[in-house]
Each structure stands twice: as structure tokens, then as C-alpha cells.
Amino acid sequence: MSDAATPVDVKAPGRIGPRMVLRMLWADKLAFMAAIFLIIVALCAVFGPMFLEDMASGANLRARNAPPFQMDRGFFFILGGDALGRPLLARIIVAAQNTMVIAASAVVASLLIGSTLGLIAGYAGRWTGEVIMRLADVIMSFPSLLLAVIVLYVLAPSIANLVLVLAITRIPIYLRTTRAEVLEVRERMFVQAATVMGASSSRIIFKHILPVILPTLLTIATLDFAFVMLAESALSFLGIGIQPPEITWGLMVSQGRQYLTNAWWLAFWPGLAIILTTMSLNLLSSWMRVALNPTQRWRLEIGGKARG
């Protein structure tokens, strides 16, 4: 009888708290370092322009193409100066905001639109699903980068147009993935039971199906963030992306390509920022693929507990 009165801490199966997330992240050292780097990039994107906007845009011809690792002009010239004598470190920090805003906005927009259409295509009738899938086929029939070049050539290059183009090209990825997941999940017993009990279609979709497929969508979004960032950099490198005085890492690489022979650091450092951010996103995506999968999560949980 005394055992029955003892309170028992019962946790919902499959749910993990913040401490367990940190333990699992610590269990994968590469993913942990990638997360730290991405946090630093996010902080630079949020606070960098507040403090370094004037320094990043102010010209100083005496420091024109200043070489890196020379501290006589100040800390922010540690990576060197650009063709107008502006400190590269300050410009990279300020450029992080536009780079991250464009990539995040495009990924979120394509995720919301694509997953919504995928849920409808997977759960609605056959004809509705076929019409939506043909729409995805039309978008995928054009190479994404070529479609972006054509649209941005017709429209004025701007942040809004760049986000719109990149989001449109990525919608089919989420649409097709969501539809395939819904077609599989809707046949499971818990969905059939909810249907028999009279649950509405919206409740079944958002309460029972979406939570099951959401980890897959988040993992794809993490990978897609890196792809969109590279696509934005390629468009800016081609001169049809962000235009001065706005700045992104891709635009900095484009501006530095003509100085590769005598001032390699103008293109090297922003290119390195792109590479490290993309690599960190890929590492974090691999970690999320394991952490969000209940059948494989035990590896990280055991590793985190052993190190803890």
C-alpha cells in the first residue's frame, strides 16, 4: 500500500528535455562545435550591424588591400582590408545578417508552403493530390539556379525578390517529402483509430500526422539552409543577387575575385565563412537525424550519460 502512495515521475515517451538535448549534443563533439559556431554566427547577424555598421561601410584608402594579421590598424583589420580600406572582419560580421536573413526566410517560406501543400496532397483525394504534384513537377522541370537567374534578371535584384525566388525553387523538396510521409503515416493504426472515433481531418493532420513527420522536415530544412545559402552566394557572385551598398558573403567573394592574384584575402575570408557555416549545418543535420529518431537516439543518450 505504501508503494501505491509513492509519487512516480512519469515522462511522456519520446520527449526529451533541454538537459538531455545538451547531453546528446555533447556526446557528438563535432555537432557540439558546429552548434557553438552557428550560435556565434547568429549573434553576429543579430548584433553585428548595431555596433559595426559604420566601421564596415567607412572607407579608408590608406588601408586599401591591407594584408591580414597586422594589428597596427586595430583589431578589426586582423583579416586585412578590402579595396576601399574597410576592415574585412567587420564586413564579414555585418554581412552575416543579410546572408542569414535571406537563407532563413527562404527556408521558412518554402517549408511552410511546401509542407502545407504536401499535407493536402497526401491526405486529400486523388485528384487534388495529382494537381498539386503536377505543380511541383513544373517547378522541378527548371534547374533551380537557372530559374533564379531568369527571374532575377527580369525583376530588380533585392532581398525580397531573392527570398521569393529561392523559396519557390525549394518548395517541391518539402512538398514531395511531406506527401510521401503522409501517405505512409495515414495507414498506421493510431491514425485509423482516430478516424474511426470521428476525429476531424484537420485534427488528424495537425495532431496525429504532423508531429510524426516534423522531425524529417526539420532535418531537411537544416540541410536546405546550407543549400540556399550557397545558392544566394552563387547569385551574388554572378552579380544578380544583393547589390551594394547591401552586402552578403557571396557579394564579398564576388568583389574580391579580381584581386585574387595580389590580395587573396578579400575573397578567401568570406568564402571560408560560407564553407564553415555550410559544414556546421551539415554536421548539425546529421546529429539531428539521429537525435530525432527514437530508434537511434539511445546512442547519443548513452554517450551523454557516460560523459556526464
C-alpha atoms as a PDB file:
ATOM      1  CA  MET A   1       0.000   0.000   0.000  1.00  0.00           C
ATOM      2  CA  SER A   2       2.844   2.367   0.775  1.00  0.00           C
ATOM      3  CA  ASP A   3       4.249   1.857  -2.703  1.00  0.00           C
ATOM      4  CA  ALA A   4       0.964   2.936  -4.237  1.00  0.00           C
ATOM      5  CA  ALA A   5       1.131   6.266  -2.414  1.00  0.00           C
ATOM      6  CA  THR A   6       4.647   6.994  -3.559  1.00  0.00           C
ATOM      7  CA  PRO A   7       4.667   9.648  -6.281  1.00  0.00           C
ATOM      8  CA  VAL A   8       6.152   8.484  -9.537  1.00  0.00           C
ATOM      9  CA  ASP A   9       7.780  10.796 -12.056  1.00  0.00           C
ATOM     10  CA  VAL A  10       6.320   9.758 -15.367  1.00  0.00           C
ATOM     11  CA  LYS A  11       7.631  11.347 -18.554  1.00  0.00           C
ATOM     12  CA  ALA A  12       5.897  11.220 -21.853  1.00  0.00           C
ATOM     13  CA  PRO A  13       7.610   8.693 -24.116  1.00  0.00           C
ATOM     14  CA  GLY A  14       9.705  10.155 -26.858  1.00  0.00           C
ATOM     15  CA  ARG A  15      10.035  13.582 -25.249  1.00  0.00           C
ATOM     16  CA  ILE A  16      13.406  14.939 -24.273  1.00  0.00           C
ATOM     17  CA  GLY A  17      14.204  17.915 -22.114  1.00  0.00           C
ATOM     18  CA  PRO A  18      16.800  20.646 -22.605  1.00  0.00           C
ATOM     19  CA  ARG A  19      19.339  18.857 -20.383  1.00  0.00           C
ATOM     20  CA  MET A  20      19.079  15.678 -22.418  1.00  0.00           C
ATOM     21  CA  VAL A  21      19.447  17.666 -25.641  1.00  0.00           C
ATOM     22  CA  LEU A  22      22.657  19.207 -24.304  1.00  0.00           C
ATOM     23  CA  ARG A  23      23.929  15.800 -23.201  1.00  0.00           C
ATOM     24  CA  MET A  24      23.227  14.284 -26.604  1.00  0.00           C
ATOM     25  CA  LEU A  25      24.852  17.258 -28.289  1.00  0.00           C
ATOM     26  CA  TRP A  26      27.897  16.919 -26.032  1.00  0.00           C
ATOM     27  CA  ALA A  27      28.087  13.238 -26.940  1.00  0.00           C
ATOM     28  CA  ASP A  28      28.803  14.261 -30.549  1.00  0.00           C
ATOM     29  CA  LYS A  29      31.743  16.635 -30.285  1.00  0.00           C
ATOM     30  CA  LEU A  30      31.651  17.698 -33.941  1.00  0.00           C
ATOM     31  CA  ALA A  31      27.966  18.558 -33.704  1.00  0.00           C
ATOM     32  CA  PHE A  32      28.617  20.419 -30.455  1.00  0.00           C
ATOM     33  CA  MET A  33      31.341  22.555 -32.055  1.00  0.00           C
ATOM     34  CA  ALA A  34      29.095  23.119 -35.080  1.00  0.00           C
ATOM     35  CA  ALA A  35      26.285  24.330 -32.809  1.00  0.00           C
ATOM     36  CA  ILE A  36      28.664  26.703 -31.000  1.00  0.00           C
ATOM     37  CA  PHE A  37      29.863  28.123 -34.319  1.00  0.00           C
ATOM     38  CA  LEU A  38      26.298  28.617 -35.582  1.00  0.00           C
ATOM     39  CA  ILE A  39      25.357  30.391 -32.341  1.00  0.00           C
ATOM     40  CA  ILE A  40      28.308  32.748 -32.864  1.00  0.00           C
ATOM     41  CA  VAL A  41      27.180  33.390 -36.446  1.00  0.00           C
ATOM     42  CA  ALA A  42      23.633  34.070 -35.255  1.00  0.00           C
ATOM     43  CA  LEU A  43      24.881  36.519 -32.619  1.00  0.00           C
ATOM     44  CA  CYS A  44      26.972  38.295 -35.250  1.00  0.00           C
ATOM     45  CA  ALA A  45      23.948  38.500 -37.525  1.00  0.00           C
ATOM     46  CA  VAL A  46      21.762  39.980 -34.778  1.00  0.00           C
ATOM     47  CA  PHE A  47      24.148  42.361 -33.044  1.00  0.00           C
ATOM     48  CA  GLY A  48      26.909  42.942 -35.601  1.00  0.00           C
ATOM     49  CA  PRO A  49      25.223  45.708 -37.643  1.00  0.00           C
ATOM     50  CA  MET A  50      24.272  47.560 -34.444  1.00  0.00           C
ATOM     51  CA  PHE A  51      27.890  48.147 -33.481  1.00  0.00           C
ATOM     52  CA  LEU A  52      29.950  47.742 -36.650  1.00  0.00           C
ATOM     53  CA  GLU A  53      27.808  49.226 -39.439  1.00  0.00           C
ATOM     54  CA  ASP A  54      29.775  52.478 -39.651  1.00  0.00           C
ATOM     55  CA  MET A  55      33.136  50.719 -39.480  1.00  0.00           C
ATOM     56  CA  ALA A  56      32.130  48.205 -42.155  1.00  0.00           C
ATOM     57  CA  SER A  57      30.982  50.916 -44.580  1.00  0.00           C
ATOM     58  CA  GLY A  58      33.544  53.654 -43.906  1.00  0.00           C
ATOM     59  CA  ALA A  59      36.328  53.895 -46.497  1.00  0.00           C
ATOM     60  CA  ASN A  60      39.979  54.375 -45.538  1.00  0.00           C
ATOM     61  CA  LEU A  61      42.185  54.449 -48.634  1.00  0.00           C
ATOM     62  CA  ARG A  62      45.340  54.283 -46.516  1.00  0.00           C
ATOM     63  CA  ALA A  63      44.347  50.737 -45.569  1.00  0.00           C
ATOM     64  CA  ARG A  64      43.459  49.732 -49.127  1.00  0.00           C
ATOM     65  CA  ASN A  65      44.027  45.964 -49.574  1.00  0.00           C
ATOM     66  CA  ALA A  66      45.792  45.859 -46.208  1.00  0.00           C
ATOM     67  CA  PRO A  67      47.251  42.369 -45.622  1.00  0.00           C
ATOM     68  CA  PRO A  68      45.899  40.198 -42.796  1.00  0.00           C
ATOM     69  CA  PHE A  69      47.413  39.595 -39.364  1.00  0.00           C
ATOM     70  CA  GLN A  70      48.721  43.117 -38.972  1.00  0.00           C
ATOM     71  CA  MET A  71      47.334  44.725 -35.815  1.00  0.00           C
ATOM     72  CA  ASP A  72      48.772  48.217 -36.282  1.00  0.00           C
ATOM     73  CA  ARG A  73      45.443  49.492 -37.678  1.00  0.00           C
ATOM     74  CA  GLY A  74      43.310  47.886 -34.979  1.00  0.00           C
ATOM     75  CA  PHE A  75      41.795  44.543 -34.111  1.00  0.00           C
ATOM     76  CA  PHE A  76      39.184  44.517 -36.896  1.00  0.00           C
ATOM     77  CA  PHE A  77      41.941  44.668 -39.514  1.00  0.00           C
ATOM     78  CA  ILE A  78      43.279  41.285 -38.354  1.00  0.00           C
ATOM     79  CA  LEU A  79      41.818  39.721 -41.528  1.00  0.00           C
ATOM     80  CA  GLY A  80      43.013  42.603 -43.672  1.00  0.00           C
ATOM     81  CA  GLY A  81      41.262  45.425 -45.526  1.00  0.00           C
ATOM     82  CA  ASP A  82      39.278  45.475 -48.770  1.00  0.00           C
ATOM     83  CA  ALA A  83      39.765  47.567 -51.902  1.00  0.00           C
ATOM     84  CA  LEU A  84      38.380  50.665 -50.139  1.00  0.00           C
ATOM     85  CA  GLY A  85      40.260  50.136 -46.893  1.00  0.00           C
ATOM     86  CA  ARG A  86      37.317  48.741 -44.937  1.00  0.00           C
ATOM     87  CA  PRO A  87      38.123  46.078 -42.310  1.00  0.00           C
ATOM     88  CA  LEU A  88      37.210  42.622 -43.588  1.00  0.00           C
ATOM     89  CA  LEU A  89      36.353  41.223 -40.150  1.00  0.00           C
ATOM     90  CA  ALA A  90      33.790  43.958 -39.533  1.00  0.00           C
ATOM     91  CA  ARG A  91      32.321  43.485 -43.015  1.00  0.00           C
ATOM     92  CA  ILE A  92      32.052  39.710 -42.583  1.00  0.00           C
ATOM     93  CA  ILE A  93      30.248  40.180 -39.258  1.00  0.00           C
ATOM     94  CA  VAL A  94      27.845  42.749 -40.728  1.00  0.00           C
ATOM     95  CA  ALA A  95      27.289  40.671 -43.883  1.00  0.00           C
ATOM     96  CA  ALA A  96      26.206  37.722 -41.737  1.00  0.00           C
ATOM     97  CA  GLN A  97      22.848  39.412 -41.146  1.00  0.00           C
ATOM     98  CA  ASN A  98      21.770  39.611 -44.791  1.00  0.00           C
ATOM     99  CA  THR A  99      23.189  36.165 -45.536  1.00  0.00           C
ATOM    100  CA  MET A 100      21.331  34.536 -42.648  1.00  0.00           C
ATOM    101  CA  VAL A 101      18.103  36.521 -43.151  1.00  0.00           C
ATOM    102  CA  ILE A 102      17.879  35.574 -46.834  1.00  0.00           C
ATOM    103  CA  ALA A 103      18.610  31.884 -46.203  1.00  0.00           C
ATOM    104  CA  ALA A 104      16.326  31.618 -43.152  1.00  0.00           C
ATOM    105  CA  SER A 105      13.433  33.468 -44.816  1.00  0.00           C
ATOM    106  CA  ALA A 106      13.632  31.324 -47.951  1.00  0.00           C
ATOM    107  CA  VAL A 107      13.802  28.073 -45.964  1.00  0.00           C
ATOM    108  CA  VAL A 108      10.923  29.002 -43.633  1.00  0.00           C
ATOM    109  CA  ALA A 109       8.721  30.157 -46.520  1.00  0.00           C
ATOM    110  CA  SER A 110       9.397  27.051 -48.613  1.00  0.00           C
ATOM    111  CA  LEU A 111       8.951  24.804 -45.557  1.00  0.00           C
ATOM    112  CA  LEU A 112       5.557  26.296 -44.650  1.00  0.00           C
ATOM    113  CA  ILE A 113       4.200  26.376 -48.198  1.00  0.00           C
ATOM    114  CA  GLY A 114       5.656  23.053 -49.297  1.00  0.00           C
ATOM    115  CA  SER A 115       4.653  21.111 -46.172  1.00  0.00           C
ATOM    116  CA  THR A 116       1.129  22.559 -46.246  1.00  0.00           C
ATOM    117  CA  LEU A 117       0.659  21.570 -49.881  1.00  0.00           C
ATOM    118  CA  GLY A 118       2.220  18.178 -49.113  1.00  0.00           C
ATOM    119  CA  LEU A 119      -0.224  17.561 -46.253  1.00  0.00           C
ATOM    120  CA  ILE A 120      -3.125  18.415 -48.542  1.00  0.00           C
ATOM    121  CA  ALA A 121      -1.780  16.284 -51.394  1.00  0.00           C
ATOM    122  CA  GLY A 122      -1.183  13.314 -49.122  1.00  0.00           C
ATOM    123  CA  TYR A 123      -4.437  13.372 -47.170  1.00  0.00           C
ATOM    124  CA  ALA A 124      -6.925  14.793 -49.683  1.00  0.00           C
ATOM    125  CA  GLY A 125      -8.430  12.949 -52.604  1.00  0.00           C
ATOM    126  CA  ARG A 126      -6.506  11.540 -55.539  1.00  0.00           C
ATOM    127  CA  TRP A 127      -7.261  14.327 -57.995  1.00  0.00           C
ATOM    128  CA  THR A 128      -6.307  17.080 -55.575  1.00  0.00           C
ATOM    129  CA  GLY A 129      -3.026  15.355 -54.876  1.00  0.00           C
ATOM    130  CA  GLU A 130      -2.319  14.855 -58.588  1.00  0.00           C
ATOM    131  CA  VAL A 131      -2.894  18.544 -59.375  1.00  0.00           C
ATOM    132  CA  ILE A 132      -0.563  19.645 -56.575  1.00  0.00           C
ATOM    133  CA  MET A 133       2.119  17.154 -57.597  1.00  0.00           C
ATOM    134  CA  ARG A 134       1.989  18.346 -61.216  1.00  0.00           C
ATOM    135  CA  LEU A 135       2.632  21.845 -59.909  1.00  0.00           C
ATOM    136  CA  ALA A 136       5.737  20.559 -58.163  1.00  0.00           C
ATOM    137  CA  ASP A 137       6.833  18.796 -61.352  1.00  0.00           C
ATOM    138  CA  VAL A 138       6.554  22.061 -63.299  1.00  0.00           C
ATOM    139  CA  ILE A 139       8.815  23.846 -60.802  1.00  0.00           C
ATOM    140  CA  MET A 140      11.314  20.987 -60.720  1.00  0.00           C
ATOM    141  CA  SER A 141      11.472  20.837 -64.531  1.00  0.00           C
ATOM    142  CA  PHE A 142      13.594  24.008 -64.445  1.00  0.00           C
ATOM    143  CA  PRO A 143      17.084  23.920 -62.880  1.00  0.00           C
ATOM    144  CA  SER A 144      16.751  25.915 -59.666  1.00  0.00           C
ATOM    145  CA  LEU A 145      19.760  28.150 -60.277  1.00  0.00           C
ATOM    146  CA  LEU A 146      18.728  28.818 -63.890  1.00  0.00           C
ATOM    147  CA  LEU A 147      15.194  29.695 -62.800  1.00  0.00           C
ATOM    148  CA  ALA A 148      16.585  32.072 -60.186  1.00  0.00           C
ATOM    149  CA  VAL A 149      18.845  33.727 -62.776  1.00  0.00           C
ATOM    150  CA  ILE A 150      15.934  34.252 -65.203  1.00  0.00           C
ATOM    151  CA  VAL A 151      13.562  35.669 -62.580  1.00  0.00           C
ATOM    152  CA  LEU A 152      16.167  37.957 -61.030  1.00  0.00           C
ATOM    153  CA  TYR A 153      17.190  39.150 -64.477  1.00  0.00           C
ATOM    154  CA  VAL A 154      13.577  40.198 -65.150  1.00  0.00           C
ATOM    155  CA  LEU A 155      12.946  41.602 -61.675  1.00  0.00           C
ATOM    156  CA  ALA A 156      15.101  44.116 -59.852  1.00  0.00           C
ATOM    157  CA  PRO A 157      17.648  42.355 -57.613  1.00  0.00           C
ATOM    158  CA  SER A 158      16.614  42.866 -53.991  1.00  0.00           C
ATOM    159  CA  ILE A 159      16.383  40.919 -50.759  1.00  0.00           C
ATOM    160  CA  ALA A 160      12.623  40.357 -51.171  1.00  0.00           C
ATOM    161  CA  ASN A 161      12.936  39.106 -54.765  1.00  0.00           C
ATOM    162  CA  LEU A 162      15.898  36.912 -53.852  1.00  0.00           C
ATOM    163  CA  VAL A 163      13.966  35.311 -50.982  1.00  0.00           C
ATOM    164  CA  LEU A 164      10.940  34.805 -53.255  1.00  0.00           C
ATOM    165  CA  VAL A 165      12.960  33.094 -55.972  1.00  0.00           C
ATOM    166  CA  LEU A 166      14.909  30.844 -53.603  1.00  0.00           C
ATOM    167  CA  ALA A 167      11.724  29.868 -51.727  1.00  0.00           C
ATOM    168  CA  ILE A 168       9.885  28.929 -54.933  1.00  0.00           C
ATOM    169  CA  THR A 169      12.717  26.710 -56.118  1.00  0.00           C
ATOM    170  CA  ARG A 170      12.785  24.794 -52.809  1.00  0.00           C
ATOM    171  CA  ILE A 171       9.027  24.237 -52.362  1.00  0.00           C
ATOM    172  CA  PRO A 172       8.950  20.896 -54.284  1.00  0.00           C
ATOM    173  CA  ILE A 173      11.502  19.361 -51.891  1.00  0.00           C
ATOM    174  CA  TYR A 174       9.189  19.771 -48.890  1.00  0.00           C
ATOM    175  CA  LEU A 175       6.033  19.072 -50.903  1.00  0.00           C
ATOM    176  CA  ARG A 176       7.176  15.701 -52.209  1.00  0.00           C
ATOM    177  CA  THR A 177       8.738  14.642 -48.907  1.00  0.00           C
ATOM    178  CA  THR A 178       5.661  15.612 -46.890  1.00  0.00           C
ATOM    179  CA  ARG A 179       3.289  13.861 -49.270  1.00  0.00           C
ATOM    180  CA  ALA A 180       5.325  10.651 -49.189  1.00  0.00           C
ATOM    181  CA  GLU A 181       5.435  10.715 -45.381  1.00  0.00           C
ATOM    182  CA  VAL A 182       1.695  11.409 -45.092  1.00  0.00           C
ATOM    183  CA  LEU A 183       0.800   8.554 -47.429  1.00  0.00           C
ATOM    184  CA  GLU A 184       2.749   6.211 -45.153  1.00  0.00           C
ATOM    185  CA  VAL A 185       1.672   7.591 -41.779  1.00  0.00           C
ATOM    186  CA  ARG A 186      -2.045   7.772 -42.635  1.00  0.00           C
ATOM    187  CA  GLU A 187      -2.143   3.965 -42.875  1.00  0.00           C
ATOM    188  CA  ARG A 188      -0.870   3.452 -39.325  1.00  0.00           C
ATOM    189  CA  MET A 189      -3.152   2.139 -36.607  1.00  0.00           C
ATOM    190  CA  PHE A 190      -3.305   5.308 -34.475  1.00  0.00           C
ATOM    191  CA  VAL A 191      -4.495   7.357 -37.461  1.00  0.00           C
ATOM    192  CA  GLN A 192      -7.066   4.708 -38.370  1.00  0.00           C
ATOM    193  CA  ALA A 193      -8.262   4.687 -34.759  1.00  0.00           C
ATOM    194  CA  ALA A 194      -8.633   8.476 -34.726  1.00  0.00           C
ATOM    195  CA  THR A 195     -10.639   8.289 -37.964  1.00  0.00           C
ATOM    196  CA  VAL A 196     -12.958   5.609 -36.566  1.00  0.00           C
ATOM    197  CA  MET A 197     -13.520   7.696 -33.412  1.00  0.00           C
ATOM    198  CA  GLY A 198     -14.756  10.562 -35.571  1.00  0.00           C
ATOM    199  CA  ALA A 199     -11.816  12.969 -35.384  1.00  0.00           C
ATOM    200  CA  SER A 200     -11.920  15.734 -37.966  1.00  0.00           C
ATOM    201  CA  SER A 201      -9.468  15.809 -40.862  1.00  0.00           C
ATOM    202  CA  SER A 202      -7.727  18.922 -39.526  1.00  0.00           C
ATOM    203  CA  ARG A 203      -7.282  17.320 -36.102  1.00  0.00           C
ATOM    204  CA  ILE A 204      -5.877  14.129 -37.626  1.00  0.00           C
ATOM    205  CA  ILE A 205      -3.462  16.081 -39.814  1.00  0.00           C
ATOM    206  CA  PHE A 206      -2.158  18.540 -37.228  1.00  0.00           C
ATOM    207  CA  LYS A 207      -2.490  16.425 -34.078  1.00  0.00           C
ATOM    208  CA  HIS A 208      -1.518  12.958 -35.265  1.00  0.00           C
ATOM    209  CA  ILE A 209       0.307  13.124 -38.617  1.00  0.00           C
ATOM    210  CA  LEU A 210       2.294  16.372 -38.500  1.00  0.00           C
ATOM    211  CA  PRO A 211       4.156  15.598 -35.218  1.00  0.00           C
ATOM    212  CA  VAL A 212       5.372  12.320 -36.733  1.00  0.00           C
ATOM    213  CA  ILE A 213       6.764  13.831 -39.938  1.00  0.00           C
ATOM    214  CA  LEU A 214       8.031  17.081 -38.395  1.00  0.00           C
ATOM    215  CA  PRO A 215      11.484  15.695 -37.403  1.00  0.00           C
ATOM    216  CA  THR A 216      12.095  14.670 -41.023  1.00  0.00           C
ATOM    217  CA  LEU A 217      11.102  18.125 -42.262  1.00  0.00           C
ATOM    218  CA  LEU A 218      13.356  19.850 -39.732  1.00  0.00           C
ATOM    219  CA  THR A 219      16.313  17.702 -40.751  1.00  0.00           C
ATOM    220  CA  ILE A 220      15.722  18.544 -44.417  1.00  0.00           C
ATOM    221  CA  ALA A 221      15.350  22.239 -43.533  1.00  0.00           C
ATOM    222  CA  THR A 222      18.736  22.214 -41.817  1.00  0.00           C
ATOM    223  CA  LEU A 223      20.381  20.767 -44.916  1.00  0.00           C
ATOM    224  CA  ASP A 224      18.375  23.064 -47.157  1.00  0.00           C
ATOM    225  CA  PHE A 225      19.552  26.109 -45.209  1.00  0.00           C
ATOM    226  CA  ALA A 226      23.094  25.351 -46.328  1.00  0.00           C
ATOM    227  CA  PHE A 227      21.988  24.827 -49.937  1.00  0.00           C
ATOM    228  CA  VAL A 228      20.025  28.103 -50.028  1.00  0.00           C
ATOM    229  CA  MET A 229      22.951  29.990 -48.534  1.00  0.00           C
ATOM    230  CA  LEU A 230      25.239  28.597 -51.236  1.00  0.00           C
ATOM    231  CA  ALA A 231      22.659  29.461 -53.923  1.00  0.00           C
ATOM    232  CA  GLU A 232      22.447  33.038 -52.636  1.00  0.00           C
ATOM    233  CA  SER A 233      26.223  33.262 -52.643  1.00  0.00           C
ATOM    234  CA  ALA A 234      26.340  31.977 -56.236  1.00  0.00           C
ATOM    235  CA  LEU A 235      23.737  34.528 -57.378  1.00  0.00           C
ATOM    236  CA  SER A 236      25.565  37.356 -55.619  1.00  0.00           C
ATOM    237  CA  PHE A 237      28.815  36.116 -57.152  1.00  0.00           C
ATOM    238  CA  LEU A 238      27.193  36.314 -60.612  1.00  0.00           C
ATOM    239  CA  GLY A 239      26.141  39.900 -59.908  1.00  0.00           C
ATOM    240  CA  ILE A 240      22.365  39.346 -59.912  1.00  0.00           C
ATOM    241  CA  GLY A 241      21.895  38.899 -56.185  1.00  0.00           C
ATOM    242  CA  ILE A 242      22.311  41.503 -53.481  1.00  0.00           C
ATOM    243  CA  GLN A 243      23.647  44.801 -54.796  1.00  0.00           C
ATOM    244  CA  PRO A 244      25.865  47.354 -52.992  1.00  0.00           C
ATOM    245  CA  PRO A 245      25.625  49.076 -50.576  1.00  0.00           C
ATOM    246  CA  GLU A 246      23.938  45.933 -49.158  1.00  0.00           C
ATOM    247  CA  ILE A 247      26.421  43.174 -48.502  1.00  0.00           C
ATOM    248  CA  THR A 248      26.491  39.400 -48.177  1.00  0.00           C
ATOM    249  CA  TRP A 249      29.307  36.875 -48.000  1.00  0.00           C
ATOM    250  CA  GLY A 250      28.706  35.896 -51.613  1.00  0.00           C
ATOM    251  CA  LEU A 251      28.928  39.506 -52.743  1.00  0.00           C
ATOM    252  CA  MET A 252      32.202  39.907 -50.840  1.00  0.00           C
ATOM    253  CA  VAL A 253      33.631  36.901 -52.689  1.00  0.00           C
ATOM    254  CA  SER A 254      32.459  38.422 -55.978  1.00  0.00           C
ATOM    255  CA  GLN A 255      34.066  41.766 -55.182  1.00  0.00           C
ATOM    256  CA  GLY A 256      37.339  40.094 -54.240  1.00  0.00           C
ATOM    257  CA  ARG A 257      37.751  37.814 -57.268  1.00  0.00           C
ATOM    258  CA  GLN A 258      39.512  40.490 -59.333  1.00  0.00           C
ATOM    259  CA  TYR A 259      42.172  40.810 -56.606  1.00  0.00           C
ATOM    260  CA  LEU A 260      42.931  37.086 -56.235  1.00  0.00           C
ATOM    261  CA  THR A 261      46.460  37.448 -57.598  1.00  0.00           C
ATOM    262  CA  ASN A 262      47.605  40.237 -55.293  1.00  0.00           C
ATOM    263  CA  ALA A 263      45.049  40.331 -52.442  1.00  0.00           C
ATOM    264  CA  TRP A 264      43.723  36.786 -51.990  1.00  0.00           C
ATOM    265  CA  TRP A 265      42.292  37.534 -48.549  1.00  0.00           C
ATOM    266  CA  LEU A 266      39.461  39.671 -49.973  1.00  0.00           C
ATOM    267  CA  ALA A 267      37.711  36.552 -51.312  1.00  0.00           C
ATOM    268  CA  PHE A 268      39.256  33.934 -49.022  1.00  0.00           C
ATOM    269  CA  TRP A 269      37.824  35.005 -45.661  1.00  0.00           C
ATOM    270  CA  PRO A 270      34.156  35.416 -46.713  1.00  0.00           C
ATOM    271  CA  GLY A 271      34.486  32.181 -48.681  1.00  0.00           C
ATOM    272  CA  LEU A 272      35.807  30.479 -45.556  1.00  0.00           C
ATOM    273  CA  ALA A 273      32.821  31.821 -43.599  1.00  0.00           C
ATOM    274  CA  ILE A 274      30.493  30.241 -46.177  1.00  0.00           C
ATOM    275  CA  ILE A 275      32.348  26.913 -46.028  1.00  0.00           C
ATOM    276  CA  LEU A 276      32.409  26.744 -42.211  1.00  0.00           C
ATOM    277  CA  THR A 277      28.731  27.675 -41.891  1.00  0.00           C
ATOM    278  CA  THR A 278      27.700  25.119 -44.513  1.00  0.00           C
ATOM    279  CA  MET A 279      29.839  22.427 -42.891  1.00  0.00           C
ATOM    280  CA  SER A 280      28.402  23.225 -39.457  1.00  0.00           C
ATOM    281  CA  LEU A 281      24.851  22.973 -40.792  1.00  0.00           C
ATOM    282  CA  ASN A 282      25.608  19.591 -42.365  1.00  0.00           C
ATOM    283  CA  LEU A 283      27.131  18.284 -39.128  1.00  0.00           C
ATOM    284  CA  LEU A 284      24.181  19.522 -37.105  1.00  0.00           C
ATOM    285  CA  SER A 285      21.774  17.969 -39.595  1.00  0.00           C
ATOM    286  CA  SER A 286      23.489  14.593 -39.220  1.00  0.00           C
ATOM    287  CA  TRP A 287      23.197  14.909 -35.445  1.00  0.00           C
ATOM    288  CA  MET A 288      19.513  15.845 -35.691  1.00  0.00           C
ATOM    289  CA  ARG A 289      18.839  12.822 -37.897  1.00  0.00           C
ATOM    290  CA  VAL A 290      19.953  10.604 -35.016  1.00  0.00           C
ATOM    291  CA  ALA A 291      18.628  12.712 -32.116  1.00  0.00           C
ATOM    292  CA  LEU A 292      15.108  12.986 -33.550  1.00  0.00           C
ATOM    293  CA  ASN A 293      14.885   9.275 -34.344  1.00  0.00           C
ATOM    294  CA  PRO A 294      13.669   7.331 -31.267  1.00  0.00           C
ATOM    295  CA  THR A 295      15.205   4.101 -32.597  1.00  0.00           C
ATOM    296  CA  GLN A 296      18.713   5.605 -32.814  1.00  0.00           C
ATOM    297  CA  ARG A 297      18.594   8.241 -30.077  1.00  0.00           C
ATOM    298  CA  TRP A 298      19.795   5.780 -27.453  1.00  0.00           C
ATOM    299  CA  ARG A 299      23.339   6.023 -28.846  1.00  0.00           C
ATOM    300  CA  LEU A 300      23.565   9.711 -28.013  1.00  0.00           C
ATOM    301  CA  GLU A 301      21.726   9.276 -24.720  1.00  0.00           C
ATOM    302  CA  ILE A 302      24.150   6.590 -23.559  1.00  0.00           C
ATOM    303  CA  GLY A 303      27.113   8.646 -24.729  1.00  0.00           C
ATOM    304  CA  GLY A 304      25.828  11.759 -22.973  1.00  0.00           C
ATOM    305  CA  LYS A 305      25.157   9.922 -19.715  1.00  0.00           C
ATOM    306  CA  ALA A 306      28.567   8.232 -19.807  1.00  0.00           C
ATOM    307  CA  ARG A 307      30.332  11.572 -20.230  1.00  0.00           C
ATOM    308  CA  GLY A 308      28.059  13.285 -17.767  1.00  0.00           C
END
